[in-house]
Amino acid sequence: MAAGLAPAAHGSDGAGSIRIPASVCGLYGIKPTRGRISFAPIIPDLAGLSTNGPIARTVADAAALLDVMAHNAPGDLYLAPPHEGTFLSCAFREPGRLRIARYAEPVVPEAEVDAEVLAAYEEAAKTLADLGHDVVEIPRPFGPDVVPTFVTLWYAFACMHPVPEENEHLLRPLTRWLRRAATPPRRPASSRPRRSSSSPRAPPWRSRTPTTPSSPRPSPSRPAPSAGSRTWTTRRRRSSG
């Protein structure tokens, strides 16, 4: 985007993955309200932290792309309230006087804000104040105690999708590291306890390899089931409340 190779692009943002790179590359990125853009058919992060959003070289272009991306699908975990009009029209609307909060104290323990970043932070606040907006200094809204919870979520997000062991090398290095940090090391096949033929087999949804009731994947050590044999099936339960 910053190199001019594309007029606009989309990304995903859970903790700044759109906004932070956009801010340091002179671009405009938007993390929309949760439920504004469907994650279907991809499984969402289940915590409602991440969402897709637009990246562009102007605010108007980012707003126009958000108009295209905004939609919902059956089964979405979250639904944002309907938006009247277009986001593009909002980009040209007079905002009036805004009350803008700011803080510069890091949440991550022992992190330091670079002097160049602080200078840009002060310049942006001054520009907003010169435009007539009310810029208010606030205390840090949350502290280092939230970091371990966030790290746990990030590990869990990396493990949501089953990946065969022989294909793990295709993952990005960061994703591969997160998955390994979140899961115990696998024991060699020679050290795993052998299961007797009379032991019950685990249902397919407990396996690392996804299966479906209509097309069960037979084990290499066991022949495929015949047409009259019994196979595991899944049944969706209704929750009350």
C-alpha atoms as a PDB file:
ATOM      1  CA  MET A   1       0.000   0.000   0.000  1.00  0.00           C
ATOM      2  CA  ALA A   2       2.611   2.554   1.028  1.00  0.00           C
ATOM      3  CA  ALA A   3       4.678   1.698  -2.080  1.00  0.00           C
ATOM      4  CA  GLY A   4       1.685   2.360  -4.342  1.00  0.00           C
ATOM      5  CA  LEU A   5       1.337  -1.229  -5.529  1.00  0.00           C
ATOM      6  CA  ALA A   6      -2.401  -1.271  -4.742  1.00  0.00           C
ATOM      7  CA  PRO A   7      -5.039   1.457  -4.331  1.00  0.00           C
ATOM      8  CA  ALA A   8      -6.515  -0.192  -1.222  1.00  0.00           C
ATOM      9  CA  ALA A   9      -6.291  -3.404   0.751  1.00  0.00           C
ATOM     10  CA  HIS A  10      -7.936  -5.290   3.568  1.00  0.00           C
ATOM     11  CA  GLY A  11      -6.391  -6.644   6.761  1.00  0.00           C
ATOM     12  CA  SER A  12      -7.368  -8.019  10.140  1.00  0.00           C
ATOM     13  CA  ASP A  13      -6.892  -6.345  13.494  1.00  0.00           C
ATOM     14  CA  GLY A  14      -7.056  -7.783  16.997  1.00  0.00           C
ATOM     15  CA  ALA A  15      -4.537  -5.664  18.884  1.00  0.00           C
ATOM     16  CA  GLY A  16      -3.464  -3.119  16.291  1.00  0.00           C
ATOM     17  CA  SER A  17      -2.457  -5.186  13.245  1.00  0.00           C
ATOM     18  CA  ILE A  18      -4.172  -2.706  10.915  1.00  0.00           C
ATOM     19  CA  ARG A  19      -3.809   0.529  12.846  1.00  0.00           C
ATOM     20  CA  ILE A  20      -0.178   0.318  13.954  1.00  0.00           C
ATOM     21  CA  PRO A  21       1.396  -0.533  10.554  1.00  0.00           C
ATOM     22  CA  ALA A  22      -0.869   2.025   8.857  1.00  0.00           C
ATOM     23  CA  SER A  23       0.196   4.744  11.288  1.00  0.00           C
ATOM     24  CA  VAL A  24       3.912   4.197  10.663  1.00  0.00           C
ATOM     25  CA  CYS A  25       3.505   3.962   6.869  1.00  0.00           C
ATOM     26  CA  GLY A  26       1.437   7.114   6.301  1.00  0.00           C
ATOM     27  CA  LEU A  27      -1.731   5.131   5.584  1.00  0.00           C
ATOM     28  CA  TYR A  28      -5.254   5.129   7.000  1.00  0.00           C
ATOM     29  CA  GLY A  29      -6.499   1.914   8.571  1.00  0.00           C
ATOM     30  CA  ILE A  30      -9.842   1.259  10.240  1.00  0.00           C
ATOM     31  CA  LYS A  31     -10.681  -1.400  12.799  1.00  0.00           C
ATOM     32  CA  PRO A  32     -14.493  -1.485  12.494  1.00  0.00           C
ATOM     33  CA  THR A  33     -16.963  -2.164  15.274  1.00  0.00           C
ATOM     34  CA  ARG A  34     -17.167  -5.848  16.202  1.00  0.00           C
ATOM     35  CA  GLY A  35     -19.805  -7.515  14.055  1.00  0.00           C
ATOM     36  CA  ARG A  36     -19.663  -4.950  11.257  1.00  0.00           C
ATOM     37  CA  ILE A  37     -17.849  -7.355   8.908  1.00  0.00           C
ATOM     38  CA  SER A  38     -18.572 -11.086   8.919  1.00  0.00           C
ATOM     39  CA  PHE A  39     -15.699 -13.524   9.364  1.00  0.00           C
ATOM     40  CA  ALA A  40     -17.586 -16.220   7.413  1.00  0.00           C
ATOM     41  CA  PRO A  41     -16.646 -18.760   6.278  1.00  0.00           C
ATOM     42  CA  ILE A  42     -13.519 -18.551   8.484  1.00  0.00           C
ATOM     43  CA  ILE A  43     -13.868 -19.426  12.181  1.00  0.00           C
ATOM     44  CA  PRO A  44     -13.690 -16.181  14.217  1.00  0.00           C
ATOM     45  CA  ASP A  45     -11.374 -15.813  17.186  1.00  0.00           C
ATOM     46  CA  LEU A  46     -14.280 -16.640  19.584  1.00  0.00           C
ATOM     47  CA  ALA A  47     -13.275 -13.812  21.936  1.00  0.00           C
ATOM     48  CA  GLY A  48     -14.517 -11.018  19.677  1.00  0.00           C
ATOM     49  CA  LEU A  49     -11.110  -9.345  19.658  1.00  0.00           C
ATOM     50  CA  SER A  50     -10.305  -9.489  15.941  1.00  0.00           C
ATOM     51  CA  THR A  51     -12.102  -8.140  12.922  1.00  0.00           C
ATOM     52  CA  ASN A  52     -11.375  -7.386   9.278  1.00  0.00           C
ATOM     53  CA  GLY A  53     -10.973  -3.823   8.080  1.00  0.00           C
ATOM     54  CA  PRO A  54      -9.790  -1.567   5.239  1.00  0.00           C
ATOM     55  CA  ILE A  55      -6.410   0.078   4.592  1.00  0.00           C
ATOM     56  CA  ALA A  56      -5.998   2.938   2.121  1.00  0.00           C
ATOM     57  CA  ARG A  57      -3.987   6.056   1.347  1.00  0.00           C
ATOM     58  CA  THR A  58      -6.877   8.421   2.112  1.00  0.00           C
ATOM     59  CA  VAL A  59      -9.667   8.428   4.690  1.00  0.00           C
ATOM     60  CA  ALA A  60     -12.261   8.551   1.907  1.00  0.00           C
ATOM     61  CA  ASP A  61     -10.807   5.470   0.185  1.00  0.00           C
ATOM     62  CA  ALA A  62     -10.758   3.559   3.484  1.00  0.00           C
ATOM     63  CA  ALA A  63     -14.382   4.523   4.146  1.00  0.00           C
ATOM     64  CA  ALA A  64     -15.446   3.481   0.628  1.00  0.00           C
ATOM     65  CA  LEU A  65     -13.783   0.094   1.043  1.00  0.00           C
ATOM     66  CA  LEU A  66     -15.516  -0.333   4.413  1.00  0.00           C
ATOM     67  CA  ASP A  67     -18.843   0.216   2.629  1.00  0.00           C
ATOM     68  CA  VAL A  68     -17.971  -2.707   0.344  1.00  0.00           C
ATOM     69  CA  MET A  69     -16.709  -4.979   3.129  1.00  0.00           C
ATOM     70  CA  ALA A  70     -19.531  -4.399   5.646  1.00  0.00           C
ATOM     71  CA  HIS A  71     -21.957  -7.343   5.717  1.00  0.00           C
ATOM     72  CA  ASN A  72     -23.233 -10.146   7.930  1.00  0.00           C
ATOM     73  CA  ALA A  73     -23.834 -13.835   7.360  1.00  0.00           C
ATOM     74  CA  PRO A  74     -26.030 -16.437   9.086  1.00  0.00           C
ATOM     75  CA  GLY A  75     -24.269 -17.811  12.153  1.00  0.00           C
ATOM     76  CA  ASP A  76     -22.170 -14.723  12.925  1.00  0.00           C
ATOM     77  CA  LEU A  77     -21.351 -14.527  16.640  1.00  0.00           C
ATOM     78  CA  TYR A  78     -21.729 -10.747  16.688  1.00  0.00           C
ATOM     79  CA  LEU A  79     -23.949  -8.286  14.846  1.00  0.00           C
ATOM     80  CA  ALA A  80     -23.229  -4.561  14.811  1.00  0.00           C
ATOM     81  CA  PRO A  81     -26.198  -2.143  14.827  1.00  0.00           C
ATOM     82  CA  PRO A  82     -27.305  -1.137  11.310  1.00  0.00           C
ATOM     83  CA  HIS A  83     -25.508   1.909   9.921  1.00  0.00           C
ATOM     84  CA  GLU A  84     -27.588   4.563   8.206  1.00  0.00           C
ATOM     85  CA  GLY A  85     -26.145   5.938   4.992  1.00  0.00           C
ATOM     86  CA  THR A  86     -22.606   5.204   3.843  1.00  0.00           C
ATOM     87  CA  PHE A  87     -19.273   5.400   5.609  1.00  0.00           C
ATOM     88  CA  LEU A  88     -17.961   7.365   2.635  1.00  0.00           C
ATOM     89  CA  SER A  89     -20.485  10.132   3.289  1.00  0.00           C
ATOM     90  CA  CYS A  90     -19.333  10.229   6.923  1.00  0.00           C
ATOM     91  CA  ALA A  91     -15.795  10.976   5.760  1.00  0.00           C
ATOM     92  CA  PHE A  92     -17.002  14.323   4.384  1.00  0.00           C
ATOM     93  CA  ARG A  93     -19.270  15.206   7.316  1.00  0.00           C
ATOM     94  CA  GLU A  94     -18.306  18.045   9.643  1.00  0.00           C
ATOM     95  CA  PRO A  95     -17.454  16.302  12.920  1.00  0.00           C
ATOM     96  CA  GLY A  96     -18.129  19.279  15.189  1.00  0.00           C
ATOM     97  CA  ARG A  97     -16.045  19.663  18.314  1.00  0.00           C
ATOM     98  CA  LEU A  98     -14.770  16.307  19.541  1.00  0.00           C
ATOM     99  CA  ARG A  99     -13.571  15.326  23.014  1.00  0.00           C
ATOM    100  CA  ILE A 100     -10.478  13.185  22.426  1.00  0.00           C
ATOM    101  CA  ALA A 101      -8.733  11.252  25.208  1.00  0.00           C
ATOM    102  CA  ARG A 102      -5.051  10.445  25.100  1.00  0.00           C
ATOM    103  CA  TYR A 103      -2.412   8.663  27.178  1.00  0.00           C
ATOM    104  CA  ALA A 104       1.202   7.661  26.516  1.00  0.00           C
ATOM    105  CA  GLU A 105       2.018   5.313  29.392  1.00  0.00           C
ATOM    106  CA  PRO A 106       2.772   1.802  28.034  1.00  0.00           C
ATOM    107  CA  VAL A 107       0.772  -1.196  29.197  1.00  0.00           C
ATOM    108  CA  VAL A 108       3.554  -3.722  28.596  1.00  0.00           C
ATOM    109  CA  PRO A 109       5.891  -3.836  31.618  1.00  0.00           C
ATOM    110  CA  GLU A 110       9.301  -2.182  31.166  1.00  0.00           C
ATOM    111  CA  ALA A 111       8.351  -0.891  27.706  1.00  0.00           C
ATOM    112  CA  GLU A 112       9.618   2.574  26.775  1.00  0.00           C
ATOM    113  CA  VAL A 113       8.107   4.921  24.222  1.00  0.00           C
ATOM    114  CA  ASP A 114      10.659   6.183  21.714  1.00  0.00           C
ATOM    115  CA  ALA A 115      11.312   9.933  21.758  1.00  0.00           C
ATOM    116  CA  GLU A 116      10.391  10.225  18.070  1.00  0.00           C
ATOM    117  CA  VAL A 117       7.045   8.567  18.735  1.00  0.00           C
ATOM    118  CA  LEU A 118       6.352  10.900  21.651  1.00  0.00           C
ATOM    119  CA  ALA A 119       7.174  13.907  19.454  1.00  0.00           C
ATOM    120  CA  ALA A 120       4.674  12.744  16.822  1.00  0.00           C
ATOM    121  CA  TYR A 121       2.137  12.081  19.589  1.00  0.00           C
ATOM    122  CA  GLU A 122       2.473  15.659  20.865  1.00  0.00           C
ATOM    123  CA  GLU A 123       2.309  17.126  17.364  1.00  0.00           C
ATOM    124  CA  ALA A 124      -0.888  15.209  16.560  1.00  0.00           C
ATOM    125  CA  ALA A 125      -2.495  16.369  19.819  1.00  0.00           C
ATOM    126  CA  LYS A 126      -1.550  19.987  19.076  1.00  0.00           C
ATOM    127  CA  THR A 127      -3.007  19.735  15.560  1.00  0.00           C
ATOM    128  CA  LEU A 128      -6.279  18.416  16.941  1.00  0.00           C
ATOM    129  CA  ALA A 129      -6.418  21.152  19.567  1.00  0.00           C
ATOM    130  CA  ASP A 130      -5.703  23.820  16.913  1.00  0.00           C
ATOM    131  CA  LEU A 131      -8.664  22.484  14.936  1.00  0.00           C
ATOM    132  CA  GLY A 132     -10.885  23.240  17.925  1.00  0.00           C
ATOM    133  CA  HIS A 133     -11.172  19.800  19.489  1.00  0.00           C
ATOM    134  CA  ASP A 134     -10.930  19.147  23.219  1.00  0.00           C
ATOM    135  CA  VAL A 135      -7.862  16.947  23.881  1.00  0.00           C
ATOM    136  CA  VAL A 136      -7.943  15.427  27.381  1.00  0.00           C
ATOM    137  CA  GLU A 137      -5.101  13.638  29.195  1.00  0.00           C
ATOM    138  CA  ILE A 138      -6.387  10.487  30.932  1.00  0.00           C
ATOM    139  CA  PRO A 139      -4.717   7.837  33.128  1.00  0.00           C
ATOM    140  CA  ARG A 140      -3.870   4.536  31.496  1.00  0.00           C
ATOM    141  CA  PRO A 141      -7.232   2.655  31.307  1.00  0.00           C
ATOM    142  CA  PHE A 142      -5.681  -0.747  32.064  1.00  0.00           C
ATOM    143  CA  GLY A 143      -2.359  -1.997  33.344  1.00  0.00           C
ATOM    144  CA  PRO A 144       0.165  -4.828  33.032  1.00  0.00           C
ATOM    145  CA  ASP A 145      -2.222  -7.262  34.752  1.00  0.00           C
ATOM    146  CA  VAL A 146      -4.102  -7.706  31.445  1.00  0.00           C
ATOM    147  CA  VAL A 147      -0.987  -8.778  29.518  1.00  0.00           C
ATOM    148  CA  PRO A 148      -0.950 -12.462  30.649  1.00  0.00           C
ATOM    149  CA  THR A 149      -4.617 -12.830  29.677  1.00  0.00           C
ATOM    150  CA  PHE A 150      -3.962 -11.306  26.276  1.00  0.00           C
ATOM    151  CA  VAL A 151      -0.957 -13.595  25.721  1.00  0.00           C
ATOM    152  CA  THR A 152      -3.097 -16.637  26.582  1.00  0.00           C
ATOM    153  CA  LEU A 153      -5.717 -15.554  24.052  1.00  0.00           C
ATOM    154  CA  TRP A 154      -3.062 -15.019  21.392  1.00  0.00           C
ATOM    155  CA  TYR A 155      -1.682 -18.526  21.948  1.00  0.00           C
ATOM    156  CA  ALA A 156      -5.214 -19.948  21.701  1.00  0.00           C
ATOM    157  CA  PHE A 157      -5.941 -18.080  18.458  1.00  0.00           C
ATOM    158  CA  ALA A 158      -2.880 -19.658  16.834  1.00  0.00           C
ATOM    159  CA  CYS A 159      -4.124 -23.156  17.731  1.00  0.00           C
ATOM    160  CA  MET A 160      -7.727 -22.829  16.555  1.00  0.00           C
ATOM    161  CA  HIS A 161      -7.222 -24.440  13.147  1.00  0.00           C
ATOM    162  CA  PRO A 162      -5.935 -28.026  12.892  1.00  0.00           C
ATOM    163  CA  VAL A 163      -2.727 -28.288  10.857  1.00  0.00           C
ATOM    164  CA  PRO A 164      -1.182 -31.686  10.013  1.00  0.00           C
ATOM    165  CA  GLU A 165       2.234 -32.074  11.587  1.00  0.00           C
ATOM    166  CA  GLU A 166       3.881 -32.550   8.185  1.00  0.00           C
ATOM    167  CA  ASN A 167       2.527 -29.144   7.049  1.00  0.00           C
ATOM    168  CA  GLU A 168       3.498 -27.067  10.079  1.00  0.00           C
ATOM    169  CA  HIS A 169       6.652 -25.864   8.330  1.00  0.00           C
ATOM    170  CA  LEU A 170       4.399 -23.921   5.930  1.00  0.00           C
ATOM    171  CA  LEU A 171       3.152 -21.683   8.756  1.00  0.00           C
ATOM    172  CA  ARG A 172       4.639 -18.273   9.389  1.00  0.00           C
ATOM    173  CA  PRO A 173       7.488 -18.422  11.944  1.00  0.00           C
ATOM    174  CA  LEU A 174       5.502 -16.400  14.515  1.00  0.00           C
ATOM    175  CA  THR A 175       2.412 -18.620  14.151  1.00  0.00           C
ATOM    176  CA  ARG A 176       4.551 -21.739  14.401  1.00  0.00           C
ATOM    177  CA  TRP A 177       6.227 -20.413  17.562  1.00  0.00           C
ATOM    178  CA  LEU A 178       2.876 -19.510  19.157  1.00  0.00           C
ATOM    179  CA  ARG A 179       1.450 -22.968  18.459  1.00  0.00           C
ATOM    180  CA  ARG A 180       4.497 -24.697  19.917  1.00  0.00           C
ATOM    181  CA  ALA A 181       4.489 -22.459  22.987  1.00  0.00           C
ATOM    182  CA  ALA A 182       0.811 -23.184  23.627  1.00  0.00           C
ATOM    183  CA  THR A 183       0.901 -26.973  23.235  1.00  0.00           C
ATOM    184  CA  PRO A 184       2.986 -29.594  25.074  1.00  0.00           C
ATOM    185  CA  PRO A 185       5.696 -31.331  23.026  1.00  0.00           C
ATOM    186  CA  ARG A 186       4.592 -34.453  21.206  1.00  0.00           C
ATOM    187  CA  ARG A 187       6.006 -37.735  22.393  1.00  0.00           C
ATOM    188  CA  PRO A 188       7.742 -39.942  19.824  1.00  0.00           C
ATOM    189  CA  ALA A 189       5.496 -42.640  18.416  1.00  0.00           C
ATOM    190  CA  SER A 190       7.697 -45.338  19.999  1.00  0.00           C
ATOM    191  CA  SER A 191       7.033 -43.968  23.508  1.00  0.00           C
ATOM    192  CA  ARG A 192       3.270 -43.648  23.173  1.00  0.00           C
ATOM    193  CA  PRO A 193       1.174 -46.334  24.906  1.00  0.00           C
ATOM    194  CA  ARG A 194      -0.260 -48.876  22.506  1.00  0.00           C
ATOM    195  CA  ARG A 195      -4.015 -49.230  22.498  1.00  0.00           C
ATOM    196  CA  SER A 196      -5.506 -52.667  22.580  1.00  0.00           C
ATOM    197  CA  SER A 197      -8.095 -53.686  20.051  1.00  0.00           C
ATOM    198  CA  SER A 198     -10.731 -53.714  22.813  1.00  0.00           C
ATOM    199  CA  SER A 199     -10.052 -50.093  23.882  1.00  0.00           C
ATOM    200  CA  PRO A 200     -12.680 -47.559  22.765  1.00  0.00           C
ATOM    201  CA  ARG A 201     -11.571 -45.263  19.974  1.00  0.00           C
ATOM    202  CA  ALA A 202     -11.778 -41.501  20.386  1.00  0.00           C
ATOM    203  CA  PRO A 203     -14.533 -39.773  18.399  1.00  0.00           C
ATOM    204  CA  PRO A 204     -13.331 -37.885  15.301  1.00  0.00           C
ATOM    205  CA  TRP A 205     -13.877 -34.421  16.835  1.00  0.00           C
ATOM    206  CA  ARG A 206     -11.153 -35.221  19.402  1.00  0.00           C
ATOM    207  CA  SER A 207      -8.630 -35.814  16.634  1.00  0.00           C
ATOM    208  CA  ARG A 208      -6.205 -33.158  15.383  1.00  0.00           C
ATOM    209  CA  THR A 209      -7.317 -33.967  11.840  1.00  0.00           C
ATOM    210  CA  PRO A 210     -10.817 -32.666  11.015  1.00  0.00           C
ATOM    211  CA  THR A 211     -13.359 -35.221   9.827  1.00  0.00           C
ATOM    212  CA  THR A 212     -17.023 -35.087   8.937  1.00  0.00           C
ATOM    213  CA  PRO A 213     -19.760 -37.630   9.752  1.00  0.00           C
ATOM    214  CA  SER A 214     -20.565 -38.013   6.063  1.00  0.00           C
ATOM    215  CA  SER A 215     -16.990 -38.845   5.069  1.00  0.00           C
ATOM    216  CA  PRO A 216     -15.073 -40.381   7.987  1.00  0.00           C
ATOM    217  CA  ARG A 217     -11.340 -40.658   7.479  1.00  0.00           C
ATOM    218  CA  PRO A 218     -10.211 -44.226   8.282  1.00  0.00           C
ATOM    219  CA  SER A 219      -7.161 -44.801  10.437  1.00  0.00           C
ATOM    220  CA  PRO A 220      -4.120 -46.141   8.529  1.00  0.00           C
ATOM    221  CA  SER A 221      -4.061 -49.135  10.883  1.00  0.00           C
ATOM    222  CA  ARG A 222      -7.734 -49.883  10.501  1.00  0.00           C
ATOM    223  CA  PRO A 223      -9.692 -50.685   7.309  1.00  0.00           C
ATOM    224  CA  ALA A 224     -12.377 -48.302   6.144  1.00  0.00           C
ATOM    225  CA  PRO A 225     -15.823 -49.055   7.664  1.00  0.00           C
ATOM    226  CA  SER A 226     -18.254 -51.011   5.589  1.00  0.00           C
ATOM    227  CA  ALA A 227     -21.616 -49.650   4.544  1.00  0.00           C
ATOM    228  CA  GLY A 228     -23.350 -51.401   7.441  1.00  0.00           C
ATOM    229  CA  SER A 229     -20.875 -50.571  10.188  1.00  0.00           C
ATOM    230  CA  ARG A 230     -21.448 -47.999  12.915  1.00  0.00           C
ATOM    231  CA  THR A 231     -19.526 -44.728  12.810  1.00  0.00           C
ATOM    232  CA  TRP A 232     -19.321 -41.763  15.145  1.00  0.00           C
ATOM    233  CA  THR A 233     -21.591 -38.829  14.387  1.00  0.00           C
ATOM    234  CA  THR A 234     -21.865 -35.388  15.867  1.00  0.00           C
ATOM    235  CA  ARG A 235     -25.082 -33.860  17.095  1.00  0.00           C
ATOM    236  CA  ARG A 236     -25.559 -30.184  17.774  1.00  0.00           C
ATOM    237  CA  ARG A 237     -27.010 -29.445  21.180  1.00  0.00           C
ATOM    238  CA  ARG A 238     -29.406 -26.622  21.819  1.00  0.00           C
ATOM    239  CA  SER A 239     -28.504 -24.312  24.653  1.00  0.00           C
ATOM    240  CA  SER A 240     -31.165 -22.754  26.817  1.00  0.00           C
ATOM    241  CA  GLY A 241     -31.072 -19.138  27.866  1.00  0.00           C
END
